[in-house]
Amino acid sequence: MVKHLDIIITGKVQGVGFRFSTKAVADQLGVKGFIKNEPNGNVIIAAEGDDISLEMFLDWCNEGPEDAIVNSVETSAGELKNYRNFELVKKSF
């Protein structure tokens, strides 16, 4: 069964390739949704996939790429949006 998670990641997660690495992992796991940087330095993700894919994806989010320092990963369940793929959203600030 496919689920939707909204994820907020705090720490040193901007300027370290977090979005690009996360997209590669999402594509590999078949997770759909998007990732974007927030003005406050956080990264937000909308992720949709089955339980196993999302669990492995969250494990990745807790580590991040080599230069990242992840302080926290907050998740909340959301309504399915049926994304077609995993997108990098450009800065809006």
N, C-alpha and C. Protein backbone atom coordinates (compact mmCIF):
# COMPACT_ATOMS: atom_id res chain seq x y z
N MET A 1 0.84 -1.20 0.00
CA MET A 1 0.00 0.00 0.00
C MET A 1 0.88 1.25 0.00
N VAL A 2 0.59 2.18 -0.86
CA VAL A 2 1.37 3.41 -0.98
C VAL A 2 0.92 4.41 0.07
N LYS A 3 1.92 5.05 0.71
CA LYS A 3 1.64 6.06 1.73
C LYS A 3 2.35 7.36 1.36
N HIS A 4 1.88 8.45 1.97
CA HIS A 4 2.49 9.78 1.77
C HIS A 4 3.09 10.23 3.10
N LEU A 5 4.34 10.70 3.05
CA LEU A 5 4.98 11.28 4.22
C LEU A 5 5.47 12.68 3.89
N ASP A 6 5.23 13.60 4.82
CA ASP A 6 5.85 14.92 4.77
C ASP A 6 7.02 14.86 5.73
N ILE A 7 8.20 15.26 5.26
CA ILE A 7 9.43 15.11 6.02
C ILE A 7 10.13 16.47 6.12
N ILE A 8 10.54 16.82 7.33
CA ILE A 8 11.33 18.04 7.55
C ILE A 8 12.67 17.62 8.13
N ILE A 9 13.75 18.03 7.48
CA ILE A 9 15.10 17.65 7.92
C ILE A 9 15.84 18.92 8.32
N THR A 10 16.40 18.90 9.54
CA THR A 10 17.16 20.05 10.03
C THR A 10 18.62 19.66 10.20
N GLY A 11 19.48 20.66 10.21
CA GLY A 11 20.91 20.46 10.37
C GLY A 11 21.67 21.15 9.26
N LYS A 12 22.87 20.66 8.99
CA LYS A 12 23.66 21.18 7.87
C LYS A 12 23.25 20.37 6.64
N VAL A 13 22.15 20.80 6.03
CA VAL A 13 21.55 20.02 4.94
C VAL A 13 21.41 20.83 3.65
N GLN A 14 21.94 22.04 3.65
CA GLN A 14 21.96 22.83 2.42
C GLN A 14 23.41 23.11 2.06
N GLY A 15 23.68 23.09 0.75
CA GLY A 15 25.04 23.34 0.27
C GLY A 15 25.95 22.12 0.38
N VAL A 16 25.35 20.95 0.60
CA VAL A 16 26.15 19.72 0.75
C VAL A 16 25.71 18.63 -0.23
N GLY A 17 24.90 19.00 -1.21
CA GLY A 17 24.42 18.03 -2.20
C GLY A 17 23.28 17.17 -1.70
N PHE A 18 22.61 17.63 -0.65
CA PHE A 18 21.54 16.82 -0.04
C PHE A 18 20.41 16.53 -1.02
N ARG A 19 19.94 17.57 -1.74
CA ARG A 19 18.81 17.37 -2.66
C ARG A 19 19.16 16.41 -3.79
N PHE A 20 20.33 16.59 -4.38
CA PHE A 20 20.72 15.74 -5.52
C PHE A 20 20.90 14.29 -5.08
N SER A 21 21.57 14.09 -3.94
CA SER A 21 21.78 12.74 -3.43
C SER A 21 20.46 12.07 -3.07
N THR A 22 19.57 12.85 -2.46
CA THR A 22 18.28 12.30 -2.05
C THR A 22 17.45 11.92 -3.27
N LYS A 23 17.51 12.71 -4.33
CA LYS A 23 16.79 12.36 -5.55
C LYS A 23 17.29 11.03 -6.11
N ALA A 24 18.61 10.84 -6.12
CA ALA A 24 19.18 9.59 -6.63
C ALA A 24 18.69 8.39 -5.81
N VAL A 25 18.65 8.56 -4.49
CA VAL A 25 18.18 7.47 -3.62
C VAL A 25 16.69 7.22 -3.85
N ALA A 26 15.92 8.30 -3.95
CA ALA A 26 14.47 8.15 -4.19
C ALA A 26 14.21 7.42 -5.50
N ASP A 27 14.93 7.81 -6.55
CA ASP A 27 14.77 7.15 -7.85
C ASP A 27 15.11 5.67 -7.76
N GLN A 28 16.17 5.36 -7.03
CA GLN A 28 16.61 3.97 -6.86
C GLN A 28 15.55 3.15 -6.11
N LEU A 29 14.91 3.76 -5.11
CA LEU A 29 13.93 3.05 -4.29
C LEU A 29 12.51 3.10 -4.86
N GLY A 30 12.31 3.91 -5.90
CA GLY A 30 10.97 4.05 -6.46
C GLY A 30 10.07 4.97 -5.65
N VAL A 31 10.69 5.84 -4.85
CA VAL A 31 9.93 6.81 -4.06
C VAL A 31 9.61 8.01 -4.95
N LYS A 32 8.38 8.49 -4.88
CA LYS A 32 7.93 9.64 -5.69
C LYS A 32 7.71 10.83 -4.77
N GLY A 33 7.75 12.05 -5.35
CA GLY A 33 7.49 13.25 -4.56
C GLY A 33 8.41 14.38 -4.96
N PHE A 34 8.87 15.16 -3.95
CA PHE A 34 9.78 16.26 -4.24
C PHE A 34 10.62 16.58 -3.01
N ILE A 35 11.69 17.33 -3.25
CA ILE A 35 12.54 17.84 -2.18
C ILE A 35 12.88 19.29 -2.50
N LYS A 36 12.90 20.13 -1.47
CA LYS A 36 13.30 21.52 -1.68
C LYS A 36 13.91 22.11 -0.42
N ASN A 37 14.76 23.12 -0.64
CA ASN A 37 15.36 23.88 0.45
C ASN A 37 14.37 24.92 0.95
N GLU A 38 14.41 25.17 2.25
CA GLU A 38 13.59 26.21 2.86
C GLU A 38 14.50 27.38 3.26
N PRO A 39 13.93 28.60 3.31
CA PRO A 39 14.75 29.76 3.68
C PRO A 39 15.41 29.64 5.05
N ASN A 40 14.81 28.87 5.97
CA ASN A 40 15.36 28.74 7.33
C ASN A 40 16.51 27.73 7.42
N GLY A 41 16.91 27.14 6.28
CA GLY A 41 18.03 26.21 6.29
C GLY A 41 17.61 24.74 6.33
N ASN A 42 16.32 24.48 6.53
CA ASN A 42 15.82 23.12 6.53
C ASN A 42 15.61 22.62 5.11
N VAL A 43 15.42 21.32 4.98
CA VAL A 43 15.02 20.71 3.72
C VAL A 43 13.67 20.06 3.97
N ILE A 44 12.73 20.25 3.04
CA ILE A 44 11.46 19.56 3.17
C ILE A 44 11.27 18.61 2.00
N ILE A 45 10.64 17.48 2.32
CA ILE A 45 10.41 16.42 1.35
C ILE A 45 8.96 15.97 1.44
N ALA A 46 8.37 15.74 0.29
CA ALA A 46 7.10 15.01 0.21
C ALA A 46 7.48 13.69 -0.45
N ALA A 47 7.17 12.58 0.21
CA ALA A 47 7.59 11.27 -0.29
C ALA A 47 6.42 10.30 -0.30
N GLU A 48 6.30 9.56 -1.40
CA GLU A 48 5.26 8.54 -1.50
C GLU A 48 5.87 7.23 -1.96
N GLY A 49 5.49 6.17 -1.29
CA GLY A 49 5.99 4.85 -1.64
C GLY A 49 5.39 3.82 -0.71
N ASP A 50 5.81 2.56 -0.87
CA ASP A 50 5.32 1.52 0.03
C ASP A 50 6.13 1.56 1.33
N ASP A 51 5.69 0.77 2.32
CA ASP A 51 6.32 0.80 3.65
C ASP A 51 7.82 0.54 3.60
N ILE A 52 8.22 -0.47 2.86
CA ILE A 52 9.64 -0.86 2.81
C ILE A 52 10.48 0.24 2.16
N SER A 53 10.01 0.77 1.03
CA SER A 53 10.74 1.85 0.34
C SER A 53 10.86 3.08 1.22
N LEU A 54 9.76 3.46 1.87
CA LEU A 54 9.79 4.66 2.72
C LEU A 54 10.70 4.45 3.93
N GLU A 55 10.71 3.24 4.48
CA GLU A 55 11.58 2.97 5.62
C GLU A 55 13.05 3.12 5.22
N MET A 56 13.42 2.55 4.07
CA MET A 56 14.80 2.68 3.59
C MET A 56 15.12 4.13 3.25
N PHE A 57 14.14 4.85 2.68
CA PHE A 57 14.32 6.26 2.34
C PHE A 57 14.56 7.09 3.60
N LEU A 58 13.79 6.83 4.65
CA LEU A 58 13.96 7.56 5.91
C LEU A 58 15.32 7.25 6.55
N ASP A 59 15.76 6.00 6.42
CA ASP A 59 17.10 5.66 6.92
C ASP A 59 18.15 6.54 6.23
N TRP A 60 17.99 6.69 4.91
CA TRP A 60 18.91 7.56 4.15
C TRP A 60 18.80 9.00 4.65
N CYS A 61 17.58 9.50 4.83
CA CYS A 61 17.38 10.90 5.26
C CYS A 61 18.06 11.18 6.60
N ASN A 62 18.13 10.18 7.47
CA ASN A 62 18.77 10.35 8.77
C ASN A 62 20.29 10.44 8.65
N GLU A 63 20.83 9.97 7.54
CA GLU A 63 22.29 10.03 7.30
C GLU A 63 22.65 11.17 6.36
N GLY A 64 22.02 11.19 5.19
CA GLY A 64 22.31 12.19 4.18
C GLY A 64 23.65 11.92 3.51
N PRO A 65 24.06 12.81 2.61
CA PRO A 65 25.35 12.66 1.93
C PRO A 65 26.50 12.92 2.90
N GLU A 66 27.70 12.65 2.43
CA GLU A 66 28.90 12.66 3.27
C GLU A 66 29.08 13.94 4.10
N ASP A 67 28.88 15.12 3.50
CA ASP A 67 29.16 16.38 4.20
C ASP A 67 27.98 16.91 5.01
N ALA A 68 26.86 16.21 4.98
CA ALA A 68 25.67 16.67 5.72
C ALA A 68 25.79 16.31 7.20
N ILE A 69 25.15 17.14 8.02
CA ILE A 69 25.00 16.82 9.45
C ILE A 69 23.50 16.92 9.73
N VAL A 70 22.85 15.78 9.90
CA VAL A 70 21.41 15.75 10.12
C VAL A 70 21.14 15.81 11.62
N ASN A 71 20.43 16.87 12.04
CA ASN A 71 20.08 17.02 13.46
C ASN A 71 18.77 16.32 13.79
N SER A 72 17.79 16.47 12.90
CA SER A 72 16.50 15.81 13.15
C SER A 72 15.76 15.55 11.84
N VAL A 73 14.93 14.52 11.89
CA VAL A 73 14.06 14.17 10.77
C VAL A 73 12.66 14.00 11.35
N GLU A 74 11.77 14.94 11.01
CA GLU A 74 10.39 14.87 11.49
C GLU A 74 9.51 14.38 10.34
N THR A 75 8.63 13.45 10.65
CA THR A 75 7.73 12.95 9.62
C THR A 75 6.28 13.06 10.08
N SER A 76 5.41 13.26 9.13
CA SER A 76 3.97 13.20 9.40
C SER A 76 3.29 12.62 8.17
N ALA A 77 2.27 11.82 8.42
CA ALA A 77 1.53 11.21 7.32
C ALA A 77 0.67 12.27 6.66
N GLY A 78 0.49 12.15 5.36
CA GLY A 78 -0.33 13.11 4.63
C GLY A 78 -1.21 12.40 3.62
N GLU A 79 -1.94 13.20 2.89
CA GLU A 79 -2.84 12.68 1.87
C GLU A 79 -2.05 12.35 0.60
N LEU A 80 -2.35 11.22 -0.01
CA LEU A 80 -1.68 10.82 -1.25
C LEU A 80 -1.89 11.85 -2.35
N LYS A 81 -0.80 12.20 -3.03
CA LYS A 81 -0.88 13.15 -4.16
C LYS A 81 -0.62 12.43 -5.48
N ASN A 82 -0.19 11.17 -5.42
CA ASN A 82 0.11 10.37 -6.62
C ASN A 82 1.11 11.05 -7.55
N TYR A 83 2.26 11.41 -6.99
CA TYR A 83 3.33 12.01 -7.79
C TYR A 83 3.78 11.01 -8.85
N ARG A 84 4.24 11.51 -9.98
CA ARG A 84 4.69 10.65 -11.07
C ARG A 84 6.17 10.30 -10.96
N ASN A 85 6.95 11.20 -10.32
CA ASN A 85 8.39 10.96 -10.16
C ASN A 85 8.89 11.75 -8.96
N PHE A 86 10.19 11.83 -8.78
CA PHE A 86 10.77 12.59 -7.66
C PHE A 86 11.47 13.81 -8.23
N GLU A 87 11.05 14.98 -7.81
CA GLU A 87 11.51 16.24 -8.39
C GLU A 87 12.40 17.01 -7.42
N LEU A 88 13.38 17.70 -7.99
CA LEU A 88 14.14 18.72 -7.26
C LEU A 88 13.42 20.04 -7.49
N VAL A 89 12.98 20.68 -6.42
CA VAL A 89 12.32 21.96 -6.56
C VAL A 89 13.36 23.06 -6.34
N LYS A 90 13.44 23.98 -7.28
CA LYS A 90 14.42 25.08 -7.18
C LYS A 90 14.04 26.02 -6.06
N LYS A 91 15.04 26.76 -5.61
CA LYS A 91 14.82 27.73 -4.54
C LYS A 91 13.72 28.71 -4.92
N SER A 92 12.89 29.02 -3.92
CA SER A 92 11.83 30.00 -4.15
C SER A 92 12.07 31.23 -3.30
N PHE A 93 13.31 31.40 -2.79
CA PHE A 93 13.62 32.55 -1.93
C PHE A 93 14.89 33.22 -2.37
